Amino acid sequence: MAAVSELIHGNTSFLQQFAGRLDPTPVVAVRTAAAEVASSAQDCGDPLPGCQRYNAAVRDATNQIIAFCTEVEQGIAAYAAVARGSAADYVGGDEAGRNAIQGALAAQPAFPETPQPGQ
């Protein structure tokens, strides 16, 4: 029954690789750039008609981008955690099943050989 220890068929390495590829770096860069744009929109005063409304719109749009990027970054982290957790659960379930089978086999009583007719 040595083959019991080699029966995992789930692709847990793929789940780990997938989790590692979920990189939030581009989203963080966009969020950082949006924050820089929002902070550069300064009040321009009354002499320029529409300037204050334009800058308010820039700040509003960039704040929405920042909020969206924050949610995406959290989602990426959550997906990675689910993939890693699923891989760990699969391996844990495989080990628990293997241990249960091996324990049951080890606990089986040894039966004497059945005498053959004529013996």
Protein backbone atom coordinates (compact mmCIF):
# COMPACT_ATOMS: atom_id res chain seq x y z
CA MET A 1 0.00 0.00 0.00
CA ALA A 2 3.00 2.30 -0.43
CA ALA A 3 1.27 3.92 -3.40
CA VAL A 4 -1.24 5.64 -1.07
CA SER A 5 1.31 8.35 -0.32
CA GLU A 6 1.53 9.31 -4.00
CA LEU A 7 -2.16 9.68 -4.88
CA ILE A 8 -2.62 13.47 -4.79
CA HIS A 9 -4.03 14.54 -8.17
CA GLY A 10 -4.75 18.21 -7.49
CA ASN A 11 -2.45 20.67 -9.20
CA THR A 12 -1.45 22.47 -6.02
CA SER A 13 1.75 23.82 -7.58
CA PHE A 14 -0.37 25.61 -10.20
CA LEU A 15 -2.44 27.20 -7.44
CA GLN A 16 0.75 28.41 -5.76
CA GLN A 17 2.12 29.74 -9.08
CA PHE A 18 -1.20 31.46 -9.83
CA ALA A 19 -1.15 33.13 -6.41
CA GLY A 20 2.41 34.31 -7.03
CA ARG A 21 1.44 35.86 -10.36
CA LEU A 22 -1.28 37.99 -8.83
CA ASP A 23 0.91 41.06 -8.59
CA PRO A 24 -0.66 44.30 -7.28
CA THR A 25 2.35 46.41 -8.36
CA PRO A 26 0.70 47.94 -11.49
CA VAL A 27 -2.43 48.85 -9.52
CA VAL A 28 -0.32 50.44 -6.78
CA ALA A 29 1.51 52.47 -9.44
CA VAL A 30 -1.77 53.73 -10.92
CA ARG A 31 -3.09 54.59 -7.45
CA THR A 32 0.14 56.49 -6.67
CA ALA A 33 -0.02 58.39 -9.97
CA ALA A 34 -3.67 59.30 -9.35
CA ALA A 35 -2.79 60.60 -5.89
CA GLU A 36 -0.03 62.75 -7.41
CA VAL A 37 -2.45 64.16 -10.00
CA ALA A 38 -5.05 64.88 -7.30
CA SER A 39 -2.53 66.76 -5.19
CA SER A 40 -1.33 68.81 -8.18
CA ALA A 41 -4.81 70.23 -8.86
CA GLN A 42 -4.51 73.50 -6.96
CA ASP A 43 -7.06 76.22 -6.48
CA CYS A 44 -6.58 78.74 -9.22
CA GLY A 45 -8.73 81.64 -7.99
CA ASP A 46 -11.41 83.70 -9.71
CA PRO A 47 -9.45 85.12 -12.66
CA LEU A 48 -9.68 81.88 -14.63
CA PRO A 49 -13.32 80.97 -15.33
CA GLY A 50 -14.01 77.26 -14.93
CA CYS A 51 -10.60 76.50 -13.45
CA GLN A 52 -11.91 75.69 -9.98
CA ARG A 53 -14.63 73.45 -11.41
CA TYR A 54 -12.07 71.72 -13.59
CA ASN A 55 -9.71 71.10 -10.68
CA ALA A 56 -12.60 69.87 -8.53
CA ALA A 57 -13.50 67.43 -11.31
CA VAL A 58 -9.86 66.30 -11.52
CA ARG A 59 -9.76 65.69 -7.76
CA ASP A 60 -13.09 63.84 -7.86
CA ALA A 61 -12.02 61.65 -10.78
CA THR A 62 -8.64 60.84 -9.27
CA ASN A 63 -10.23 60.07 -5.89
CA GLN A 64 -12.52 57.60 -7.64
CA ILE A 65 -9.50 56.03 -9.36
CA ILE A 66 -7.69 55.80 -6.02
CA ALA A 67 -10.71 54.12 -4.39
CA PHE A 68 -11.05 51.69 -7.30
CA CYS A 69 -7.34 50.81 -7.25
CA THR A 70 -7.52 50.22 -3.50
CA GLU A 71 -10.40 47.77 -4.02
CA VAL A 72 -8.55 46.03 -6.86
CA GLU A 73 -5.41 45.69 -4.72
CA GLN A 74 -7.48 44.18 -1.91
CA GLY A 75 -9.16 41.84 -4.42
CA ILE A 76 -5.80 40.68 -5.76
CA ALA A 77 -4.65 39.91 -2.22
CA ALA A 78 -7.90 38.05 -1.53
CA TYR A 79 -7.65 35.94 -4.71
CA ALA A 80 -4.04 35.06 -3.89
CA ALA A 81 -5.06 34.06 -0.35
CA VAL A 82 -7.88 31.87 -1.70
CA ALA A 83 -5.50 30.13 -4.14
CA ARG A 84 -2.88 29.52 -1.45
CA GLY A 85 -5.52 28.41 1.03
CA SER A 86 -7.10 26.04 -1.49
CA ALA A 87 -3.73 24.44 -2.21
CA ALA A 88 -3.07 24.04 1.52
CA ASP A 89 -6.56 22.61 2.11
CA TYR A 90 -6.11 20.12 -0.73
CA VAL A 91 -2.76 18.94 0.59
CA GLY A 92 -4.14 18.81 4.15
CA GLY A 93 -7.14 16.78 3.03
CA ASP A 94 -4.90 14.43 1.10
CA GLU A 95 -2.68 13.92 4.13
CA ALA A 96 -5.65 13.36 6.44
CA GLY A 97 -7.13 10.81 4.06
CA ARG A 98 -3.81 9.06 3.61
CA ASN A 99 -3.27 8.92 7.39
CA ALA A 100 -6.76 7.52 7.94
CA ILE A 101 -6.25 4.77 5.35
CA GLN A 102 -2.79 3.91 6.63
CA GLY A 103 -4.11 3.86 10.20
CA ALA A 104 -6.95 1.58 9.24
CA LEU A 105 -4.59 -0.77 7.42
CA ALA A 106 -2.19 -0.84 10.35
CA ALA A 107 -5.03 -1.64 12.76
CA GLN A 108 -6.24 -4.64 10.78
CA PRO A 109 -5.78 -7.86 12.71
CA ALA A 110 -3.52 -10.43 11.16
CA PHE A 111 -5.63 -13.34 10.00
CA PRO A 112 -4.13 -16.80 10.02
CA GLU A 113 -3.89 -18.42 6.67
CA THR A 114 -6.94 -20.46 5.80
CA PRO A 115 -6.11 -24.15 5.69
CA GLN A 116 -6.44 -25.60 2.25
CA PRO A 117 -8.57 -28.73 1.75
CA GLY A 118 -6.57 -31.86 2.32
CA GLN A 119 -4.10 -30.28 4.69
